[in-house]
């Protein structure tokens, strides 16, 4: 259920606020090291909650050939699609955006180190305990779809303000 406002500016501000807390919220500092360059491009509550983020592919995200690693692609999708959950729930529910139960990635094209990608993330369905999300990653320079994902999440989060 979206928050009371359907203003896209409010959705983008909420996503940016959540992203600014991301490096401090995880116990694994590598996530913030790898994803520190993620920027919110846009966010919207309607017609379905969705967010678009952008990231430059850094050497730490690449394999020995200088190509975006498949595992890094999955990590990017995990984080980007999880951000969309915050646009679909009431404040205080899903405060840590749950945990992944399934993440199915399809890799279509290579992305070279230094290239920018945009990740479009959309909430398909979110309930009290389960969420289903979808992501599409495009190379910015030519708009080509380089990977897609379907992401299932489960909410084991403590109440807002609680400890993990």
C-alpha atoms as a PDB file:
ATOM      1  CA  UNK A   1       0.000   0.000   0.000  1.00  0.00           C
ATOM      2  CA  UNK A   2       1.632   3.301  -1.066  1.00  0.00           C
ATOM      3  CA  UNK A   3       2.078   6.149   1.396  1.00  0.00           C
ATOM      4  CA  UNK A   4      -0.670   8.815   1.418  1.00  0.00           C
ATOM      5  CA  UNK A   5       1.108  11.006  -1.135  1.00  0.00           C
ATOM      6  CA  UNK A   6       1.384   9.863  -4.740  1.00  0.00           C
ATOM      7  CA  UNK A   7       3.799  12.670  -5.591  1.00  0.00           C
ATOM      8  CA  UNK A   8       6.805  11.382  -7.561  1.00  0.00           C
ATOM      9  CA  UNK A   9       9.012  14.003  -5.902  1.00  0.00           C
ATOM     10  CA  UNK A  10       8.098  12.495  -2.508  1.00  0.00           C
ATOM     11  CA  UNK A  11       8.846   8.988  -3.832  1.00  0.00           C
ATOM     12  CA  UNK A  12      12.278  10.060  -5.086  1.00  0.00           C
ATOM     13  CA  UNK A  13      13.064  11.813  -1.784  1.00  0.00           C
ATOM     14  CA  UNK A  14      12.054   8.691   0.172  1.00  0.00           C
ATOM     15  CA  UNK A  15      14.273   6.487  -2.020  1.00  0.00           C
ATOM     16  CA  UNK A  16      17.225   8.887  -1.676  1.00  0.00           C
ATOM     17  CA  UNK A  17      16.789   8.933   2.116  1.00  0.00           C
ATOM     18  CA  UNK A  18      16.785   5.139   2.271  1.00  0.00           C
ATOM     19  CA  UNK A  19      19.835   4.953  -0.010  1.00  0.00           C
ATOM     20  CA  UNK A  20      21.762   7.436   2.131  1.00  0.00           C
ATOM     21  CA  UNK A  21      21.289   5.077   5.097  1.00  0.00           C
ATOM     22  CA  UNK A  22      22.206   1.932   3.135  1.00  0.00           C
ATOM     23  CA  UNK A  23      25.962   1.931   3.846  1.00  0.00           C
ATOM     24  CA  UNK A  24      25.285   2.190   7.588  1.00  0.00           C
ATOM     25  CA  UNK A  25      22.514  -0.405   7.710  1.00  0.00           C
ATOM     26  CA  UNK A  26      24.407  -3.528   6.686  1.00  0.00           C
ATOM     27  CA  UNK A  27      26.830  -5.581   8.729  1.00  0.00           C
ATOM     28  CA  UNK A  28      28.934  -6.247   5.631  1.00  0.00           C
ATOM     29  CA  UNK A  29      30.896  -3.121   4.699  1.00  0.00           C
ATOM     30  CA  UNK A  30      31.627  -4.540   1.253  1.00  0.00           C
ATOM     31  CA  UNK A  31      28.068  -3.749   0.151  1.00  0.00           C
ATOM     32  CA  UNK A  32      28.654  -0.052   0.679  1.00  0.00           C
ATOM     33  CA  UNK A  33      32.086  -0.309  -0.944  1.00  0.00           C
ATOM     34  CA  UNK A  34      30.645  -1.990  -4.025  1.00  0.00           C
ATOM     35  CA  UNK A  35      27.405  -0.018  -4.289  1.00  0.00           C
ATOM     36  CA  UNK A  36      28.485   3.360  -2.938  1.00  0.00           C
ATOM     37  CA  UNK A  37      28.079   4.976  -6.355  1.00  0.00           C
ATOM     38  CA  UNK A  38      24.380   4.125  -6.775  1.00  0.00           C
ATOM     39  CA  UNK A  39      22.256   7.197  -7.543  1.00  0.00           C
ATOM     40  CA  UNK A  40      18.478   7.518  -7.612  1.00  0.00           C
ATOM     41  CA  UNK A  41      17.348   8.745 -11.045  1.00  0.00           C
ATOM     42  CA  UNK A  42      13.597   8.663 -10.430  1.00  0.00           C
ATOM     43  CA  UNK A  43      10.928   7.009  -8.319  1.00  0.00           C
ATOM     44  CA  UNK A  44       7.163   6.773  -8.555  1.00  0.00           C
ATOM     45  CA  UNK A  45       4.280   5.345  -6.549  1.00  0.00           C
ATOM     46  CA  UNK A  46       2.017   4.916  -9.602  1.00  0.00           C
ATOM     47  CA  UNK A  47       0.958   3.046 -11.661  1.00  0.00           C
ATOM     48  CA  UNK A  48       3.011   0.554  -9.620  1.00  0.00           C
ATOM     49  CA  UNK A  49       5.790   1.432  -7.165  1.00  0.00           C
ATOM     50  CA  UNK A  50       9.006   1.701  -9.159  1.00  0.00           C
ATOM     51  CA  UNK A  51      12.464   3.193  -8.920  1.00  0.00           C
ATOM     52  CA  UNK A  52      15.250   3.810 -11.423  1.00  0.00           C
ATOM     53  CA  UNK A  53      18.845   3.887 -10.186  1.00  0.00           C
ATOM     54  CA  UNK A  54      22.147   4.460 -11.979  1.00  0.00           C
ATOM     55  CA  UNK A  55      25.603   3.063 -11.311  1.00  0.00           C
ATOM     56  CA  UNK A  56      29.017   3.257 -12.965  1.00  0.00           C
ATOM     57  CA  UNK A  57      30.636  -0.171 -13.285  1.00  0.00           C
ATOM     58  CA  UNK A  58      33.824  -0.005 -11.205  1.00  0.00           C
ATOM     59  CA  UNK A  59      36.784  -2.427 -11.239  1.00  0.00           C
ATOM     60  CA  UNK A  60      35.559  -4.034  -7.997  1.00  0.00           C
ATOM     61  CA  UNK A  61      32.372  -5.109  -9.836  1.00  0.00           C
ATOM     62  CA  UNK A  62      34.245  -6.702 -12.760  1.00  0.00           C
ATOM     63  CA  UNK A  63      35.765 -10.061 -13.549  1.00  0.00           C
ATOM     64  CA  UNK A  64      39.365 -10.493 -14.779  1.00  0.00           C
ATOM     65  CA  UNK A  65      38.245  -9.528 -18.301  1.00  0.00           C
ATOM     66  CA  UNK A  66      37.004  -6.109 -17.152  1.00  0.00           C
ATOM     67  CA  UNK A  67      33.362  -7.128 -17.646  1.00  0.00           C
ATOM     68  CA  UNK A  68      30.595  -6.716 -15.045  1.00  0.00           C
ATOM     69  CA  UNK A  69      30.650  -9.963 -13.022  1.00  0.00           C
ATOM     70  CA  UNK A  70      27.438 -12.007 -12.857  1.00  0.00           C
ATOM     71  CA  UNK A  71      27.598 -12.114  -9.061  1.00  0.00           C
ATOM     72  CA  UNK A  72      27.971  -8.335  -8.951  1.00  0.00           C
ATOM     73  CA  UNK A  73      24.980  -8.009 -11.278  1.00  0.00           C
ATOM     74  CA  UNK A  74      22.941 -10.105  -8.822  1.00  0.00           C
ATOM     75  CA  UNK A  75      24.125  -7.920  -5.909  1.00  0.00           C
ATOM     76  CA  UNK A  76      23.123  -4.766  -7.821  1.00  0.00           C
ATOM     77  CA  UNK A  77      19.683  -6.225  -8.593  1.00  0.00           C
ATOM     78  CA  UNK A  78      19.266  -7.340  -4.971  1.00  0.00           C
ATOM     79  CA  UNK A  79      19.896  -3.822  -3.675  1.00  0.00           C
ATOM     80  CA  UNK A  80      18.065  -1.918  -6.436  1.00  0.00           C
ATOM     81  CA  UNK A  81      14.888  -3.989  -6.413  1.00  0.00           C
ATOM     82  CA  UNK A  82      14.844  -3.989  -2.609  1.00  0.00           C
ATOM     83  CA  UNK A  83      14.688  -0.192  -2.685  1.00  0.00           C
ATOM     84  CA  UNK A  84      11.371  -0.409  -4.537  1.00  0.00           C
ATOM     85  CA  UNK A  85       9.789  -2.186  -1.545  1.00  0.00           C
ATOM     86  CA  UNK A  86       9.913   1.015   0.526  1.00  0.00           C
ATOM     87  CA  UNK A  87       7.622   2.701  -2.000  1.00  0.00           C
ATOM     88  CA  UNK A  88       4.957   0.007  -1.653  1.00  0.00           C
ATOM     89  CA  UNK A  89       4.520  -0.337   2.104  1.00  0.00           C
ATOM     90  CA  UNK A  90       3.325   1.721   5.050  1.00  0.00           C
ATOM     91  CA  UNK A  91       6.012   3.474   7.039  1.00  0.00           C
ATOM     92  CA  UNK A  92       7.400   1.140   9.672  1.00  0.00           C
ATOM     93  CA  UNK A  93       6.668  -2.121   7.835  1.00  0.00           C
ATOM     94  CA  UNK A  94       9.525  -3.799   5.954  1.00  0.00           C
ATOM     95  CA  UNK A  95      12.035  -1.307   7.518  1.00  0.00           C
ATOM     96  CA  UNK A  96      15.072  -3.328   6.352  1.00  0.00           C
ATOM     97  CA  UNK A  97      13.345  -4.439   3.099  1.00  0.00           C
ATOM     98  CA  UNK A  98      13.318  -8.101   4.126  1.00  0.00           C
ATOM     99  CA  UNK A  99      15.604 -10.853   2.908  1.00  0.00           C
ATOM    100  CA  UNK A 100      15.965 -12.544  -0.454  1.00  0.00           C
ATOM    101  CA  UNK A 101      14.303 -15.921  -0.908  1.00  0.00           C
ATOM    102  CA  UNK A 102      14.762 -16.124  -4.686  1.00  0.00           C
ATOM    103  CA  UNK A 103      16.770 -14.060  -7.157  1.00  0.00           C
ATOM    104  CA  UNK A 104      16.658 -15.217 -10.746  1.00  0.00           C
ATOM    105  CA  UNK A 105      18.940 -13.257 -13.086  1.00  0.00           C
ATOM    106  CA  UNK A 106      19.134 -13.531 -16.861  1.00  0.00           C
ATOM    107  CA  UNK A 107      22.323 -12.145 -18.404  1.00  0.00           C
ATOM    108  CA  UNK A 108      21.927 -10.882 -21.980  1.00  0.00           C
ATOM    109  CA  UNK A 109      24.840  -8.568 -22.861  1.00  0.00           C
ATOM    110  CA  UNK A 110      28.260  -7.656 -21.470  1.00  0.00           C
ATOM    111  CA  UNK A 111      28.929  -4.367 -19.677  1.00  0.00           C
ATOM    112  CA  UNK A 112      32.495  -3.048 -19.613  1.00  0.00           C
ATOM    113  CA  UNK A 113      34.263  -1.379 -16.722  1.00  0.00           C
ATOM    114  CA  UNK A 114      33.554   2.369 -16.693  1.00  0.00           C
ATOM    115  CA  UNK A 115      30.162   2.071 -18.384  1.00  0.00           C
ATOM    116  CA  UNK A 116      26.998   3.359 -16.722  1.00  0.00           C
ATOM    117  CA  UNK A 117      23.956   1.153 -16.199  1.00  0.00           C
ATOM    118  CA  UNK A 118      20.415   2.036 -15.167  1.00  0.00           C
ATOM    119  CA  UNK A 119      18.326  -0.374 -13.168  1.00  0.00           C
ATOM    120  CA  UNK A 120      14.538  -0.106 -13.403  1.00  0.00           C
ATOM    121  CA  UNK A 121      12.946  -1.857 -10.424  1.00  0.00           C
ATOM    122  CA  UNK A 122       9.229  -2.495 -10.059  1.00  0.00           C
ATOM    123  CA  UNK A 123       7.072  -3.968  -7.320  1.00  0.00           C
ATOM    124  CA  UNK A 124       4.842  -6.682  -8.737  1.00  0.00           C
ATOM    125  CA  UNK A 125       3.186  -7.567  -5.415  1.00  0.00           C
ATOM    126  CA  UNK A 126       3.929  -6.892  -1.756  1.00  0.00           C
ATOM    127  CA  UNK A 127       2.133  -8.225   1.283  1.00  0.00           C
ATOM    128  CA  UNK A 128       2.769  -8.427   5.003  1.00  0.00           C
ATOM    129  CA  UNK A 129       5.392 -11.206   4.650  1.00  0.00           C
ATOM    130  CA  UNK A 130       6.181 -11.710   0.936  1.00  0.00           C
ATOM    131  CA  UNK A 131       7.113  -9.481  -1.983  1.00  0.00           C
ATOM    132  CA  UNK A 132       7.708 -10.098  -5.676  1.00  0.00           C
ATOM    133  CA  UNK A 133       9.871  -7.624  -7.607  1.00  0.00           C
ATOM    134  CA  UNK A 134      11.177  -7.269 -11.142  1.00  0.00           C
ATOM    135  CA  UNK A 135      14.315  -5.549 -12.435  1.00  0.00           C
ATOM    136  CA  UNK A 136      15.706  -4.545 -15.826  1.00  0.00           C
ATOM    137  CA  UNK A 137      19.306  -3.348 -16.268  1.00  0.00           C
ATOM    138  CA  UNK A 138      20.163  -1.223 -19.324  1.00  0.00           C
ATOM    139  CA  UNK A 139      23.444   0.096 -20.614  1.00  0.00           C
ATOM    140  CA  UNK A 140      23.062   3.899 -20.574  1.00  0.00           C
ATOM    141  CA  UNK A 141      25.075   4.636 -23.734  1.00  0.00           C
ATOM    142  CA  UNK A 142      22.762   2.662 -26.041  1.00  0.00           C
ATOM    143  CA  UNK A 143      19.715   1.666 -23.945  1.00  0.00           C
ATOM    144  CA  UNK A 144      20.322  -2.052 -24.564  1.00  0.00           C
ATOM    145  CA  UNK A 145      18.883  -4.420 -21.942  1.00  0.00           C
ATOM    146  CA  UNK A 146      21.891  -6.236 -20.473  1.00  0.00           C
ATOM    147  CA  UNK A 147      20.174  -8.250 -17.712  1.00  0.00           C
ATOM    148  CA  UNK A 148      16.804  -8.876 -16.090  1.00  0.00           C
ATOM    149  CA  UNK A 149      15.724 -10.339 -12.779  1.00  0.00           C
ATOM    150  CA  UNK A 150      12.799 -11.615 -10.764  1.00  0.00           C
ATOM    151  CA  UNK A 151      13.299 -11.153  -7.030  1.00  0.00           C
ATOM    152  CA  UNK A 152      11.265 -12.755  -4.270  1.00  0.00           C
ATOM    153  CA  UNK A 153      11.610 -11.440  -0.719  1.00  0.00           C
ATOM    154  CA  UNK A 154      10.348 -12.432   2.707  1.00  0.00           C
ATOM    155  CA  UNK A 155       9.876 -10.051   5.618  1.00  0.00           C
ATOM    156  CA  UNK A 156      11.590 -11.197   8.820  1.00  0.00           C
ATOM    157  CA  UNK A 157      12.299  -7.584   9.788  1.00  0.00           C
ATOM    158  CA  UNK A 158      11.860  -6.482  13.382  1.00  0.00           C
ATOM    159  CA  UNK A 159       9.384  -3.632  13.965  1.00  0.00           C
ATOM    160  CA  UNK A 160      10.657  -0.178  12.973  1.00  0.00           C
ATOM    161  CA  UNK A 161      13.097   1.029  15.591  1.00  0.00           C
ATOM    162  CA  UNK A 162      13.804  -2.558  16.708  1.00  0.00           C
ATOM    163  CA  UNK A 163      17.155  -4.303  16.524  1.00  0.00           C
ATOM    164  CA  UNK A 164      18.183  -6.889  13.991  1.00  0.00           C
END
